[in-house]
Amino acid sequence: MEQESIELLIPFESLIKCIKKLSLKEKISLLELLNEQISQVSEGDEKSERHIWYALGTKSLERVWDNDADAVYDNWRDMYNVSKR
């Protein structure tokens, strides 16, 4: 699935900096609010809701998995002698 570009009112990096300053409780409240908003926008449109969550999840996973510290695991098949099917 191709990820669409979203134009934000403030730069994404600034938004992330603000979110990082929130307490855990505030972050949970923000997630609940976003979930509610997403559900309202896509109510009755399962494909649209899946697309939104896919886009959010993909961005998060890229930050978590695509980094130098985890690069050692890129060749896990060789490390653990797992053959390609």
PDB file of N, CA and C in Angstrom:
ATOM      1  N   MET A   1       0.856  -1.168   0.000  1.00  0.00           N
ATOM      2  CA  MET A   1       0.000   0.000   0.000  1.00  0.00           C
ATOM      3  C   MET A   1       0.903   1.232   0.000  1.00  0.00           C
ATOM      4  N   GLU A   2       0.645   2.160  -0.872  1.00  0.00           N
ATOM      5  CA  GLU A   2       1.439   3.367  -0.975  1.00  0.00           C
ATOM      6  C   GLU A   2       0.993   4.377   0.073  1.00  0.00           C
ATOM      7  N   GLN A   3       1.965   4.981   0.754  1.00  0.00           N
ATOM      8  CA  GLN A   3       1.654   5.936   1.808  1.00  0.00           C
ATOM      9  C   GLN A   3       1.466   7.319   1.201  1.00  0.00           C
ATOM     10  N   GLU A   4       0.375   7.982   1.569  1.00  0.00           N
ATOM     11  CA  GLU A   4       0.093   9.318   1.069  1.00  0.00           C
ATOM     12  C   GLU A   4       0.787  10.349   1.930  1.00  0.00           C
ATOM     13  N   SER A   5       1.154  11.469   1.312  1.00  0.00           N
ATOM     14  CA  SER A   5       1.743  12.573   2.045  1.00  0.00           C
ATOM     15  C   SER A   5       0.614  13.395   2.658  1.00  0.00           C
ATOM     16  N   ILE A   6       0.812  13.800   3.896  1.00  0.00           N
ATOM     17  CA  ILE A   6      -0.195  14.592   4.597  1.00  0.00           C
ATOM     18  C   ILE A   6       0.404  15.952   4.915  1.00  0.00           C
ATOM     19  N   GLU A   7      -0.290  17.016   4.531  1.00  0.00           N
ATOM     20  CA  GLU A   7       0.185  18.357   4.830  1.00  0.00           C
ATOM     21  C   GLU A   7      -0.307  18.743   6.218  1.00  0.00           C
ATOM     22  N   LEU A   8       0.629  19.068   7.096  1.00  0.00           N
ATOM     23  CA  LEU A   8       0.297  19.429   8.466  1.00  0.00           C
ATOM     24  C   LEU A   8       0.346  20.941   8.646  1.00  0.00           C
ATOM     25  N   LEU A   9      -0.385  21.436   9.642  1.00  0.00           N
ATOM     26  CA  LEU A   9      -0.361  22.861   9.946  1.00  0.00           C
ATOM     27  C   LEU A   9       0.962  23.284  10.572  1.00  0.00           C
ATOM     28  N   ILE A  10       1.607  22.347  11.279  1.00  0.00           N
ATOM     29  CA  ILE A  10       2.933  22.609  11.831  1.00  0.00           C
ATOM     30  C   ILE A  10       3.866  21.512  11.326  1.00  0.00           C
ATOM     31  N   PRO A  11       5.172  21.776  11.253  1.00  0.00           N
ATOM     32  CA  PRO A  11       6.098  20.739  10.776  1.00  0.00           C
ATOM     33  C   PRO A  11       6.021  19.480  11.644  1.00  0.00           C
ATOM     34  N   PHE A  12       6.151  18.348  11.008  1.00  0.00           N
ATOM     35  CA  PHE A  12       6.062  17.057  11.690  1.00  0.00           C
ATOM     36  C   PHE A  12       7.059  16.969  12.841  1.00  0.00           C
ATOM     37  N   GLU A  13       8.283  17.437  12.613  1.00  0.00           N
ATOM     38  CA  GLU A  13       9.321  17.374  13.645  1.00  0.00           C
ATOM     39  C   GLU A  13       8.910  18.172  14.887  1.00  0.00           C
ATOM     40  N   SER A  14       8.276  19.320  14.684  1.00  0.00           N
ATOM     41  CA  SER A  14       7.804  20.133  15.807  1.00  0.00           C
ATOM     42  C   SER A  14       6.701  19.415  16.566  1.00  0.00           C
ATOM     43  N   LEU A  15       5.839  18.742  15.836  1.00  0.00           N
ATOM     44  CA  LEU A  15       4.766  17.976  16.465  1.00  0.00           C
ATOM     45  C   LEU A  15       5.343  16.859  17.328  1.00  0.00           C
ATOM     46  N   ILE A  16       6.326  16.158  16.813  1.00  0.00           N
ATOM     47  CA  ILE A  16       6.963  15.069  17.556  1.00  0.00           C
ATOM     48  C   ILE A  16       7.630  15.606  18.819  1.00  0.00           C
ATOM     49  N   LYS A  17       8.312  16.746  18.720  1.00  0.00           N
ATOM     50  CA  LYS A  17       8.947  17.344  19.901  1.00  0.00           C
ATOM     51  C   LYS A  17       7.917  17.649  20.979  1.00  0.00           C
ATOM     52  N   CYS A  18       6.774  18.174  20.569  1.00  0.00           N
ATOM     53  CA  CYS A  18       5.700  18.479  21.527  1.00  0.00           C
ATOM     54  C   CYS A  18       5.174  17.207  22.178  1.00  0.00           C
ATOM     55  N   ILE A  19       4.971  16.177  21.385  1.00  0.00           N
ATOM     56  CA  ILE A  19       4.448  14.908  21.908  1.00  0.00           C
ATOM     57  C   ILE A  19       5.427  14.281  22.884  1.00  0.00           C
ATOM     58  N   LYS A  20       6.722  14.375  22.598  1.00  0.00           N
ATOM     59  CA  LYS A  20       7.733  13.795  23.493  1.00  0.00           C
ATOM     60  C   LYS A  20       7.719  14.457  24.870  1.00  0.00           C
ATOM     61  N   LYS A  21       7.271  15.684  24.947  1.00  0.00           N
ATOM     62  CA  LYS A  21       7.221  16.401  26.223  1.00  0.00           C
ATOM     63  C   LYS A  21       6.024  16.001  27.082  1.00  0.00           C
ATOM     64  N   LEU A  22       5.063  15.300  26.489  1.00  0.00           N
ATOM     65  CA  LEU A  22       3.864  14.896  27.220  1.00  0.00           C
ATOM     66  C   LEU A  22       4.174  13.765  28.194  1.00  0.00           C
ATOM     67  N   SER A  23       3.415  13.721  29.275  1.00  0.00           N
ATOM     68  CA  SER A  23       3.516  12.595  30.206  1.00  0.00           C
ATOM     69  C   SER A  23       2.855  11.378  29.559  1.00  0.00           C
ATOM     70  N   LEU A  24       3.079  10.219  30.141  1.00  0.00           N
ATOM     71  CA  LEU A  24       2.459   9.000  29.618  1.00  0.00           C
ATOM     72  C   LEU A  24       0.942   9.128  29.610  1.00  0.00           C
ATOM     73  N   LYS A  25       0.392   9.658  30.682  1.00  0.00           N
ATOM     74  CA  LYS A  25      -1.063   9.826  30.773  1.00  0.00           C
ATOM     75  C   LYS A  25      -1.567  10.751  29.667  1.00  0.00           C
ATOM     76  N   GLU A  26      -0.838  11.825  29.394  1.00  0.00           N
ATOM     77  CA  GLU A  26      -1.235  12.757  28.335  1.00  0.00           C
ATOM     78  C   GLU A  26      -1.131  12.106  26.959  1.00  0.00           C
ATOM     79  N   LYS A  27      -0.105  11.290  26.759  1.00  0.00           N
ATOM     80  CA  LYS A  27       0.054  10.584  25.479  1.00  0.00           C
ATOM     81  C   LYS A  27      -1.099   9.604  25.257  1.00  0.00           C
ATOM     82  N   ILE A  28      -1.497   8.917  26.306  1.00  0.00           N
ATOM     83  CA  ILE A  28      -2.622   7.979  26.200  1.00  0.00           C
ATOM     84  C   ILE A  28      -3.896   8.738  25.867  1.00  0.00           C
ATOM     85  N   SER A  29      -4.099   9.880  26.521  1.00  0.00           N
ATOM     86  CA  SER A  29      -5.281  10.705  26.235  1.00  0.00           C
ATOM     87  C   SER A  29      -5.267  11.176  24.785  1.00  0.00           C
ATOM     88  N   LEU A  30      -4.092  11.547  24.298  1.00  0.00           N
ATOM     89  CA  LEU A  30      -3.964  11.980  22.905  1.00  0.00           C
ATOM     90  C   LEU A  30      -4.297  10.839  21.948  1.00  0.00           C
ATOM     91  N   LEU A  31      -3.797   9.651  22.233  1.00  0.00           N
ATOM     92  CA  LEU A  31      -4.115   8.487  21.396  1.00  0.00           C
ATOM     93  C   LEU A  31      -5.611   8.190  21.388  1.00  0.00           C
ATOM     94  N   GLU A  32      -6.240   8.292  22.546  1.00  0.00           N
ATOM     95  CA  GLU A  32      -7.680   8.059  22.617  1.00  0.00           C
ATOM     96  C   GLU A  32      -8.442   9.086  21.791  1.00  0.00           C
ATOM     97  N   LEU A  33      -8.015  10.341  21.876  1.00  0.00           N
ATOM     98  CA  LEU A  33      -8.647  11.401  21.091  1.00  0.00           C
ATOM     99  C   LEU A  33      -8.461  11.167  19.591  1.00  0.00           C
ATOM    100  N   LEU A  34      -7.246  10.815  19.193  1.00  0.00           N
ATOM    101  CA  LEU A  34      -6.983  10.546  17.778  1.00  0.00           C
ATOM    102  C   LEU A  34      -7.794   9.354  17.283  1.00  0.00           C
ATOM    103  N   ASN A  35      -7.867   8.311  18.100  1.00  0.00           N
ATOM    104  CA  ASN A  35      -8.646   7.140  17.726  1.00  0.00           C
ATOM    105  C   ASN A  35     -10.112   7.507  17.516  1.00  0.00           C
ATOM    106  N   GLU A  36     -10.629   8.334  18.411  1.00  0.00           N
ATOM    107  CA  GLU A  36     -12.021   8.778  18.289  1.00  0.00           C
ATOM    108  C   GLU A  36     -12.220   9.585  17.006  1.00  0.00           C
ATOM    109  N   GLN A  37     -11.295  10.477  16.718  1.00  0.00           N
ATOM    110  CA  GLN A  37     -11.391  11.301  15.516  1.00  0.00           C
ATOM    111  C   GLN A  37     -11.301  10.452  14.250  1.00  0.00           C
ATOM    112  N   ILE A  38     -10.383   9.499  14.249  1.00  0.00           N
ATOM    113  CA  ILE A  38     -10.233   8.620  13.089  1.00  0.00           C
ATOM    114  C   ILE A  38     -11.495   7.796  12.883  1.00  0.00           C
ATOM    115  N   SER A  39     -12.055   7.297  13.973  1.00  0.00           N
ATOM    116  CA  SER A  39     -13.279   6.499  13.881  1.00  0.00           C
ATOM    117  C   SER A  39     -14.430   7.316  13.314  1.00  0.00           C
ATOM    118  N   GLN A  40     -14.527   8.584  13.691  1.00  0.00           N
ATOM    119  CA  GLN A  40     -15.600   9.437  13.186  1.00  0.00           C
ATOM    120  C   GLN A  40     -15.428   9.717  11.702  1.00  0.00           C
ATOM    121  N   VAL A  41     -14.198   9.970  11.279  1.00  0.00           N
ATOM    122  CA  VAL A  41     -13.933  10.277   9.871  1.00  0.00           C
ATOM    123  C   VAL A  41     -14.247   9.071   8.998  1.00  0.00           C
ATOM    124  N   SER A  42     -13.873   7.900   9.473  1.00  0.00           N
ATOM    125  CA  SER A  42     -13.996   6.713   8.633  1.00  0.00           C
ATOM    126  C   SER A  42     -15.168   5.816   9.018  1.00  0.00           C
ATOM    127  N   GLU A  43     -16.093   6.325   9.813  1.00  0.00           N
ATOM    128  CA  GLU A  43     -17.215   5.512  10.263  1.00  0.00           C
ATOM    129  C   GLU A  43     -17.931   4.894   9.063  1.00  0.00           C
ATOM    130  N   GLY A  44     -18.033   3.592   9.080  1.00  0.00           N
ATOM    131  CA  GLY A  44     -18.694   2.888   7.991  1.00  0.00           C
ATOM    132  C   GLY A  44     -17.790   2.641   6.789  1.00  0.00           C
ATOM    133  N   ASP A  45     -16.570   3.106   6.864  1.00  0.00           N
ATOM    134  CA  ASP A  45     -15.647   2.924   5.746  1.00  0.00           C
ATOM    135  C   ASP A  45     -14.411   2.184   6.247  1.00  0.00           C
ATOM    136  N   GLU A  46     -14.516   0.871   6.319  1.00  0.00           N
ATOM    137  CA  GLU A  46     -13.454   0.042   6.883  1.00  0.00           C
ATOM    138  C   GLU A  46     -12.144   0.197   6.120  1.00  0.00           C
ATOM    139  N   LYS A  47     -12.221   0.316   4.800  1.00  0.00           N
ATOM    140  CA  LYS A  47     -11.017   0.463   3.989  1.00  0.00           C
ATOM    141  C   LYS A  47     -10.275   1.744   4.354  1.00  0.00           C
ATOM    142  N   SER A  48     -11.000   2.829   4.541  1.00  0.00           N
ATOM    143  CA  SER A  48     -10.403   4.105   4.905  1.00  0.00           C
ATOM    144  C   SER A  48      -9.741   4.013   6.274  1.00  0.00           C
ATOM    145  N   GLU A  49     -10.404   3.388   7.222  1.00  0.00           N
ATOM    146  CA  GLU A  49      -9.847   3.259   8.570  1.00  0.00           C
ATOM    147  C   GLU A  49      -8.577   2.408   8.548  1.00  0.00           C
ATOM    148  N   ARG A  50      -8.595   1.309   7.811  1.00  0.00           N
ATOM    149  CA  ARG A  50      -7.395   0.471   7.696  1.00  0.00           C
ATOM    150  C   ARG A  50      -6.247   1.267   7.105  1.00  0.00           C
ATOM    151  N   HIS A  51      -6.546   2.079   6.081  1.00  0.00           N
ATOM    152  CA  HIS A  51      -5.514   2.880   5.429  1.00  0.00           C
ATOM    153  C   HIS A  51      -4.886   3.867   6.413  1.00  0.00           C
ATOM    154  N   ILE A  52      -5.697   4.511   7.236  1.00  0.00           N
ATOM    155  CA  ILE A  52      -5.189   5.470   8.211  1.00  0.00           C
ATOM    156  C   ILE A  52      -4.280   4.775   9.214  1.00  0.00           C
ATOM    157  N   TRP A  53      -4.732   3.650   9.754  1.00  0.00           N
ATOM    158  CA  TRP A  53      -3.926   2.948  10.751  1.00  0.00           C
ATOM    159  C   TRP A  53      -2.670   2.371  10.113  1.00  0.00           C
ATOM    160  N   TYR A  54      -2.761   1.920   8.868  1.00  0.00           N
ATOM    161  CA  TYR A  54      -1.578   1.413   8.160  1.00  0.00           C
ATOM    162  C   TYR A  54      -0.532   2.522   8.019  1.00  0.00           C
ATOM    163  N   ALA A  55      -0.975   3.711   7.616  1.00  0.00           N
ATOM    164  CA  ALA A  55      -0.053   4.836   7.435  1.00  0.00           C
ATOM    165  C   ALA A  55       0.613   5.212   8.751  1.00  0.00           C
ATOM    166  N   LEU A  56      -0.160   5.262   9.838  1.00  0.00           N
ATOM    167  CA  LEU A  56       0.401   5.590  11.144  1.00  0.00           C
ATOM    168  C   LEU A  56       1.370   4.505  11.615  1.00  0.00           C
ATOM    169  N   GLY A  57       0.968   3.269  11.457  1.00  0.00           N
ATOM    170  CA  GLY A  57       1.805   2.157  11.899  1.00  0.00           C
ATOM    171  C   GLY A  57       3.091   2.039  11.123  1.00  0.00           C
ATOM    172  N   THR A  58       3.014   2.242   9.819  1.00  0.00           N
ATOM    173  CA  THR A  58       4.194   2.146   8.968  1.00  0.00           C
ATOM    174  C   THR A  58       5.241   3.168   9.382  1.00  0.00           C
ATOM    175  N   LYS A  59       4.816   4.392   9.607  1.00  0.00           N
ATOM    176  CA  LYS A  59       5.736   5.462  10.002  1.00  0.00           C
ATOM    177  C   LYS A  59       6.416   5.117  11.326  1.00  0.00           C
ATOM    178  N   SER A  60       5.645   4.621  12.271  1.00  0.00           N
ATOM    179  CA  SER A  60       6.202   4.260  13.579  1.00  0.00           C
ATOM    180  C   SER A  60       7.188   3.109  13.469  1.00  0.00           C
ATOM    181  N   LEU A  61       6.820   2.086  12.728  1.00  0.00           N
ATOM    182  CA  LEU A  61       7.705   0.929  12.580  1.00  0.00           C
ATOM    183  C   LEU A  61       9.004   1.297  11.867  1.00  0.00           C
ATOM    184  N   GLU A  62       8.927   2.191  10.904  1.00  0.00           N
ATOM    185  CA  GLU A  62      10.146   2.618  10.214  1.00  0.00           C
ATOM    186  C   GLU A  62      11.115   3.253  11.204  1.00  0.00           C
ATOM    187  N   ARG A  63      10.606   4.079  12.107  1.00  0.00           N
ATOM    188  CA  ARG A  63      11.474   4.716  13.101  1.00  0.00           C
ATOM    189  C   ARG A  63      12.068   3.682  14.057  1.00  0.00           C
ATOM    190  N   VAL A  64      11.294   2.673  14.411  1.00  0.00           N
ATOM    191  CA  VAL A  64      11.761   1.678  15.370  1.00  0.00           C
ATOM    192  C   VAL A  64      12.729   0.690  14.728  1.00  0.00           C
ATOM    193  N   TRP A  65      12.404   0.192  13.551  1.00  0.00           N
ATOM    194  CA  TRP A  65      13.179  -0.889  12.951  1.00  0.00           C
ATOM    195  C   TRP A  65      14.266  -0.443  11.998  1.00  0.00           C
ATOM    196  N   ASP A  66      14.111   0.683  11.363  1.00  0.00           N
ATOM    197  CA  ASP A  66      15.088   1.112  10.358  1.00  0.00           C
ATOM    198  C   ASP A  66      16.119   2.032  10.999  1.00  0.00           C
ATOM    199  N   ASN A  67      17.041   1.422  11.734  1.00  0.00           N
ATOM    200  CA  ASN A  67      18.090   2.207  12.383  1.00  0.00           C
ATOM    201  C   ASN A  67      19.375   1.394  12.440  1.00  0.00           C
ATOM    202  N   ASP A  68      20.476   2.079  12.688  1.00  0.00           N
ATOM    203  CA  ASP A  68      21.790   1.424  12.691  1.00  0.00           C
ATOM    204  C   ASP A  68      21.930   0.372  13.777  1.00  0.00           C
ATOM    205  N   ALA A  69      21.320   0.611  14.925  1.00  0.00           N
ATOM    206  CA  ALA A  69      21.442  -0.341  16.032  1.00  0.00           C
ATOM    207  C   ALA A  69      20.830  -1.697  15.688  1.00  0.00           C
ATOM    208  N   ASP A  70      19.788  -1.704  14.894  1.00  0.00           N
ATOM    209  CA  ASP A  70      19.139  -2.967  14.517  1.00  0.00           C
ATOM    210  C   ASP A  70      19.660  -3.543  13.202  1.00  0.00           C
ATOM    211  N   ALA A  71      20.571  -2.849  12.553  1.00  0.00           N
ATOM    212  CA  ALA A  71      21.086  -3.317  11.267  1.00  0.00           C
ATOM    213  C   ALA A  71      21.770  -4.674  11.371  1.00  0.00           C
ATOM    214  N   VAL A  72      22.298  -4.993  12.542  1.00  0.00           N
ATOM    215  CA  VAL A  72      22.954  -6.279  12.740  1.00  0.00           C
ATOM    216  C   VAL A  72      21.990  -7.443  12.472  1.00  0.00           C
ATOM    217  N   TYR A  73      20.699  -7.208  12.647  1.00  0.00           N
ATOM    218  CA  TYR A  73      19.704  -8.263  12.439  1.00  0.00           C
ATOM    219  C   TYR A  73      19.203  -8.352  11.004  1.00  0.00           C
ATOM    220  N   ASP A  74      19.688  -7.487  10.118  1.00  0.00           N
ATOM    221  CA  ASP A  74      19.233  -7.517   8.730  1.00  0.00           C
ATOM    222  C   ASP A  74      19.531  -8.859   8.058  1.00  0.00           C
ATOM    223  N   ASN A  75      20.574  -9.523   8.481  1.00  0.00           N
ATOM    224  CA  ASN A  75      20.946 -10.815   7.895  1.00  0.00           C
ATOM    225  C   ASN A  75      20.665 -11.959   8.874  1.00  0.00           C
ATOM    226  N   TRP A  76      19.500 -11.919   9.481  1.00  0.00           N
ATOM    227  CA  TRP A  76      19.164 -12.899  10.508  1.00  0.00           C
ATOM    228  C   TRP A  76      19.146 -14.324   9.981  1.00  0.00           C
ATOM    229  N   ARG A  77      18.788 -14.484   8.714  1.00  0.00           N
ATOM    230  CA  ARG A  77      18.762 -15.853   8.162  1.00  0.00           C
ATOM    231  C   ARG A  77      20.160 -16.477   8.189  1.00  0.00           C
ATOM    232  N   ASP A  78      21.167 -15.694   7.829  1.00  0.00           N
ATOM    233  CA  ASP A  78      22.545 -16.187   7.859  1.00  0.00           C
ATOM    234  C   ASP A  78      23.002 -16.425   9.293  1.00  0.00           C
ATOM    235  N   MET A  79      22.647 -15.503  10.193  1.00  0.00           N
ATOM    236  CA  MET A  79      23.078 -15.610  11.596  1.00  0.00           C
ATOM    237  C   MET A  79      22.559 -16.887  12.241  1.00  0.00           C
ATOM    238  N   TYR A  80      21.326 -17.290  11.902  1.00  0.00           N
ATOM    239  CA  TYR A  80      20.680 -18.424  12.547  1.00  0.00           C
ATOM    240  C   TYR A  80      20.547 -19.640  11.623  1.00  0.00           C
ATOM    241  N   ASN A  81      21.288 -19.597  10.509  1.00  0.00           N
ATOM    242  CA  ASN A  81      21.298 -20.715   9.551  1.00  0.00           C
ATOM    243  C   ASN A  81      19.892 -21.123   9.117  1.00  0.00           C
ATOM    244  N   VAL A  82      19.091 -20.144   8.760  1.00  0.00           N
ATOM    245  CA  VAL A  82      17.733 -20.401   8.266  1.00  0.00           C
ATOM    246  C   VAL A  82      17.778 -20.280   6.751  1.00  0.00           C
ATOM    247  N   SER A  83      17.361 -21.361   6.081  1.00  0.00           N
ATOM    248  CA  SER A  83      17.409 -21.346   4.623  1.00  0.00           C
ATOM    249  C   SER A  83      16.215 -20.578   4.047  1.00  0.00           C
ATOM    250  N   LYS A  84      16.452 -19.998   2.872  1.00  0.00           N
ATOM    251  CA  LYS A  84      15.365 -19.311   2.178  1.00  0.00           C
ATOM    252  C   LYS A  84      14.525 -20.360   1.488  1.00  0.00           C
ATOM    253  N   ARG A  85      13.222 -20.181   1.513  1.00  0.00           N
ATOM    254  CA  ARG A  85      12.326 -21.176   0.909  1.00  0.00           C
ATOM    255  C   ARG A  85      12.279 -21.036  -0.575  1.00  0.00           C
TER     256      ARG A  85
END
